[in-house]
Amino acid sequence: MNQTDIAELYRLVKDFFEHDTTGHDWWHVQRVTQLALHIAKAEGANLALVEPAALVHDTDDWKLSGANGYPNATRMLLAVGYNNHQVDRILEIVEQVSYKGAGIDTAPSSLEAMVVQDADRLDAIGAIGIARAFAFGGSKHRPLYLPNVKPQFHSTFEEYKTAKGHTINHFYEKLLLLKDRMNTATAKALAEERHRFMETFLEQFYREWDYKG
C-alpha cells in the first residue's frame, strides 16, 4: 500500500466516527493508532498491518454497532485498495483486540495483535480512560455509582456484553485489570503511571462520596 491509500483510510475512519459521543470517537482512534505505531516500532512489529488494524479496530465494535462480522472495516479497507488476503490479515488482528470479560481474556496470537490490543487498552486507562468510562456510561444511561451494587467478574463474553452495572464497577471489572494484561514491554511501562492515576482517582472519589464535613 502507498501513502495515499493509508491517508484515505484515515479520512474514511475520521468521517465514520465524526458524531460519536461514547468515548469511541475519532480522537480515540487517533490516539490508539499513534500508540500502536509507537509500540510497534519499539517491539519490531509490522507497521503495514498495525496501522490499518488500529484505524479500523472500532468500526464494527459490538458495543457501538451491534454488527456481526466486520462489514464496515472490510468496506473501508477494500475501498482504499487492500486486497482480500491483506484484509483477512488485518481483520485477524482486529478480532483479537476487544476485551471479553475478566475470566476469559486470552492472549493475542501475533505480535501485531498484541500491539494493537495494548494500544487500545492503554487508551482505556489513566486520565483519558476515566473520562471515556464516564462518557460511555452516560451514553448507556448508567449511574455513576451505586454503593450496594458490587463488581461482577464475568466468566463468559455473554455475561460481560449484557452487564448493566454502574461506571465505578467498570474500574474493577475491567480497567484496573488491564495493567497486568498488557502484552509488550513497551505497553507495560506506559501502563504503570496510568494505573496509579486511576487508583488515586478512586481514592479521591470515595473520600468525596462519603464526605461528612
Protein backbone atom coordinates (compact mmCIF):
# COMPACT_ATOMS: atom_id res chain seq x y z
CA MET A 1 0.00 0.00 0.00
CA ASN A 2 1.23 3.53 -0.66
CA GLN A 3 0.89 6.62 1.49
CA THR A 4 -2.08 7.95 -0.45
CA ASP A 5 -4.09 4.82 0.35
CA ILE A 6 -3.47 4.95 4.10
CA ALA A 7 -4.26 8.67 4.08
CA GLU A 8 -7.62 7.85 2.51
CA LEU A 9 -8.26 5.24 5.20
CA TYR A 10 -7.61 7.89 7.84
CA ARG A 11 -10.20 10.10 6.15
CA LEU A 12 -12.83 7.35 5.93
CA VAL A 13 -12.43 6.37 9.58
CA LYS A 14 -12.48 10.00 10.76
CA ASP A 15 -15.73 10.61 8.87
CA PHE A 16 -17.21 7.38 10.26
CA PHE A 17 -16.70 8.46 13.89
CA GLU A 18 -17.48 12.14 13.39
CA HIS A 19 -20.57 12.21 15.62
CA ASP A 20 -19.61 9.67 18.31
CA THR A 21 -20.01 10.81 21.93
CA THR A 22 -19.38 7.47 23.69
CA GLY A 23 -15.60 7.87 24.04
CA HIS A 24 -15.07 5.72 20.94
CA ASP A 25 -14.72 8.74 18.68
CA TRP A 26 -12.12 9.71 16.09
CA TRP A 27 -9.78 11.07 18.76
CA HIS A 28 -9.79 7.68 20.47
CA VAL A 29 -8.92 6.02 17.16
CA GLN A 30 -6.18 8.56 16.52
CA ARG A 31 -4.64 8.04 19.98
CA VAL A 32 -4.79 4.27 19.63
CA THR A 33 -3.15 4.45 16.20
CA GLN A 34 -0.37 6.71 17.48
CA LEU A 35 0.20 4.44 20.48
CA ALA A 36 0.16 1.35 18.28
CA LEU A 37 2.76 2.81 15.92
CA HIS A 38 4.96 3.80 18.87
CA ILE A 39 4.73 0.32 20.41
CA ALA A 40 5.17 -1.40 17.05
CA LYS A 41 8.38 0.49 16.34
CA ALA A 42 9.76 -0.34 19.79
CA GLU A 43 8.78 -4.02 19.58
CA GLY A 44 9.58 -4.66 15.92
CA ALA A 45 6.02 -5.34 14.72
CA ASN A 46 4.83 -4.98 11.13
CA LEU A 47 3.70 -1.37 10.75
CA ALA A 48 1.89 -2.12 7.48
CA LEU A 49 -0.52 -4.34 9.42
CA VAL A 50 -0.60 -2.49 12.74
CA GLU A 51 -1.58 0.91 11.34
CA PRO A 52 -4.70 -0.10 9.36
CA ALA A 53 -5.79 -2.51 12.10
CA ALA A 54 -5.59 0.27 14.69
CA LEU A 55 -7.53 2.61 12.43
CA VAL A 56 -10.48 0.23 11.86
CA HIS A 57 -10.43 -1.56 15.22
CA ASP A 58 -13.69 0.03 16.46
CA THR A 59 -15.65 0.39 13.22
CA ASP A 60 -17.61 -2.79 13.98
CA ASP A 61 -17.38 -2.81 17.78
CA TRP A 62 -20.30 -4.79 19.24
CA LYS A 63 -20.81 -2.08 21.90
CA LEU A 64 -21.47 0.53 19.24
CA SER A 65 -22.88 -1.03 16.09
CA GLY A 66 -24.12 -4.47 17.08
CA ALA A 67 -22.68 -5.64 13.77
CA ASN A 68 -21.96 -9.26 13.00
CA GLY A 69 -18.55 -9.71 11.45
CA TYR A 70 -16.64 -6.71 10.14
CA PRO A 71 -18.69 -5.14 7.33
CA ASN A 72 -17.56 -1.56 7.94
CA ALA A 73 -13.87 -2.37 8.29
CA THR A 74 -13.97 -4.65 5.25
CA ARG A 75 -15.68 -2.00 3.14
CA MET A 76 -13.17 0.68 4.10
CA LEU A 77 -10.10 -1.49 3.63
CA LEU A 78 -11.21 -2.70 0.21
CA ALA A 79 -12.15 0.85 -0.80
CA VAL A 80 -8.60 2.11 -0.28
CA GLY A 81 -7.01 -0.76 -2.18
CA TYR A 82 -6.21 -3.58 0.24
CA ASN A 83 -6.70 -7.00 -1.36
CA ASN A 84 -8.69 -9.83 0.22
CA HIS A 85 -5.62 -11.51 1.72
CA GLN A 86 -4.46 -8.25 3.33
CA VAL A 87 -7.96 -7.57 4.64
CA ASP A 88 -8.07 -11.03 6.22
CA ARG A 89 -4.75 -10.44 7.97
CA ILE A 90 -5.82 -7.03 9.26
CA LEU A 91 -9.19 -8.31 10.50
CA GLU A 92 -7.47 -11.19 12.27
CA ILE A 93 -5.73 -8.56 14.36
CA VAL A 94 -8.92 -6.57 14.92
CA GLU A 95 -10.76 -9.67 16.10
CA GLN A 96 -8.30 -10.09 18.97
CA VAL A 97 -8.40 -6.51 20.27
CA SER A 98 -11.67 -6.41 22.22
CA TYR A 99 -11.90 -7.15 25.95
CA LYS A 100 -14.28 -10.05 26.58
CA GLY A 101 -14.53 -10.27 30.35
CA ALA A 102 -12.35 -10.72 33.43
CA GLY A 103 -12.48 -14.51 33.42
CA ILE A 104 -11.98 -15.29 29.74
CA ASP A 105 -9.44 -12.82 28.37
CA THR A 106 -6.95 -14.54 26.07
CA ALA A 107 -3.58 -13.51 24.68
CA PRO A 108 -3.41 -12.40 21.03
CA SER A 109 -1.80 -14.82 18.59
CA SER A 110 0.59 -12.42 16.83
CA LEU A 111 2.90 -9.57 17.79
CA GLU A 112 0.80 -7.19 15.68
CA ALA A 113 -2.38 -8.17 17.53
CA MET A 114 -0.57 -7.74 20.84
CA VAL A 115 0.49 -4.25 19.83
CA VAL A 116 -2.98 -3.06 18.76
CA GLN A 117 -4.64 -4.65 21.79
CA ASP A 118 -2.10 -2.95 24.08
CA ALA A 119 -2.66 0.42 22.41
CA ASP A 120 -6.43 0.16 22.74
CA ARG A 121 -6.15 -0.84 26.39
CA LEU A 122 -3.74 1.95 27.20
CA ASP A 123 -6.37 4.41 25.99
CA ALA A 124 -8.86 2.76 28.36
CA ILE A 125 -6.82 3.62 31.47
CA GLY A 126 -5.34 6.73 33.06
CA ALA A 127 -6.95 10.17 32.83
CA ILE A 128 -8.28 9.56 29.33
CA GLY A 129 -9.62 6.18 30.38
CA ILE A 130 -11.50 7.72 33.30
CA ALA A 131 -13.06 10.34 31.04
CA ARG A 132 -14.01 7.72 28.47
CA ALA A 133 -15.53 5.41 31.09
CA PHE A 134 -17.94 8.09 32.28
CA ALA A 135 -18.72 9.24 28.74
CA PHE A 136 -19.63 5.69 27.76
CA GLY A 137 -21.58 5.09 30.97
CA GLY A 138 -23.59 8.24 30.39
CA SER A 139 -24.34 7.24 26.81
CA LYS A 140 -25.78 3.95 28.16
CA HIS A 141 -27.73 5.71 30.96
CA ARG A 142 -25.68 4.03 33.66
CA PRO A 143 -25.38 5.64 37.12
CA LEU A 144 -22.03 6.91 38.34
CA TYR A 145 -22.01 4.73 41.45
CA LEU A 146 -24.36 2.55 43.48
CA PRO A 147 -22.63 1.66 46.78
CA ASN A 148 -24.63 -1.53 47.31
CA VAL A 149 -24.00 -2.96 43.83
CA LYS A 150 -20.71 -4.85 43.84
CA PRO A 151 -18.46 -5.64 40.84
CA GLN A 152 -19.01 -8.84 38.87
CA PHE A 153 -16.14 -10.80 37.37
CA HIS A 154 -17.80 -12.12 34.26
CA SER A 155 -16.90 -15.68 33.29
CA THR A 156 -18.37 -15.53 29.79
CA PHE A 157 -18.41 -12.97 26.99
CA GLU A 158 -22.22 -13.03 27.04
CA GLU A 159 -22.25 -12.06 30.73
CA TYR A 160 -19.87 -9.19 30.02
CA LYS A 161 -21.86 -7.99 26.99
CA THR A 162 -25.14 -7.86 28.89
CA ALA A 163 -23.83 -6.36 32.15
CA LYS A 164 -25.62 -3.16 33.24
CA GLY A 165 -23.57 -2.12 36.24
CA HIS A 166 -22.61 1.40 37.30
CA THR A 167 -19.47 3.08 35.99
CA ILE A 168 -17.35 2.76 39.14
CA ASN A 169 -17.80 -1.00 38.97
CA HIS A 170 -16.33 -0.90 35.46
CA PHE A 171 -12.99 0.06 37.00
CA TYR A 172 -12.89 -3.22 38.94
CA GLU A 173 -14.45 -5.35 36.24
CA LYS A 174 -12.03 -4.17 33.55
CA LEU A 175 -9.91 -1.04 33.83
CA LEU A 176 -7.85 -1.94 36.90
CA LEU A 177 -7.15 -5.37 35.42
CA LEU A 178 -5.58 -4.07 32.22
CA LYS A 179 -2.13 -3.13 33.56
CA ASP A 180 -1.31 -6.77 34.25
CA ARG A 181 -2.75 -7.88 30.90
CA MET A 182 -0.50 -5.81 28.68
CA ASN A 183 1.42 -7.95 26.23
CA THR A 184 4.52 -5.92 25.34
CA ALA A 185 7.27 -4.48 27.50
CA THR A 186 6.66 -1.04 25.99
CA ALA A 187 2.97 -1.07 26.94
CA LYS A 188 3.65 -2.48 30.41
CA ALA A 189 5.90 0.51 31.15
CA LEU A 190 3.34 3.01 29.87
CA ALA A 191 0.53 1.36 31.83
CA GLU A 192 2.15 1.82 35.25
CA GLU A 193 1.56 5.58 35.58
CA ARG A 194 -1.93 5.39 34.11
CA HIS A 195 -2.89 2.63 36.52
CA ARG A 196 -1.64 4.61 39.52
CA PHE A 197 -3.65 7.62 38.38
CA MET A 198 -6.85 5.56 38.36
CA GLU A 199 -6.14 4.29 41.87
CA THR A 200 -5.63 7.87 43.07
CA PHE A 201 -8.85 8.95 41.36
CA LEU A 202 -10.86 6.20 43.06
CA GLU A 203 -9.43 7.07 46.47
CA GLN A 204 -10.46 10.70 45.97
CA PHE A 205 -13.86 9.69 44.60
CA TYR A 206 -14.70 7.64 47.72
CA ARG A 207 -13.47 10.43 50.04
CA GLU A 208 -15.77 12.91 48.34
CA TRP A 209 -18.69 10.46 48.13
CA ASP A 210 -18.54 9.78 51.87
CA TYR A 211 -17.67 13.33 52.92
CA LYS A 212 -19.33 14.22 56.21
CA GLY A 213 -17.72 17.57 56.95
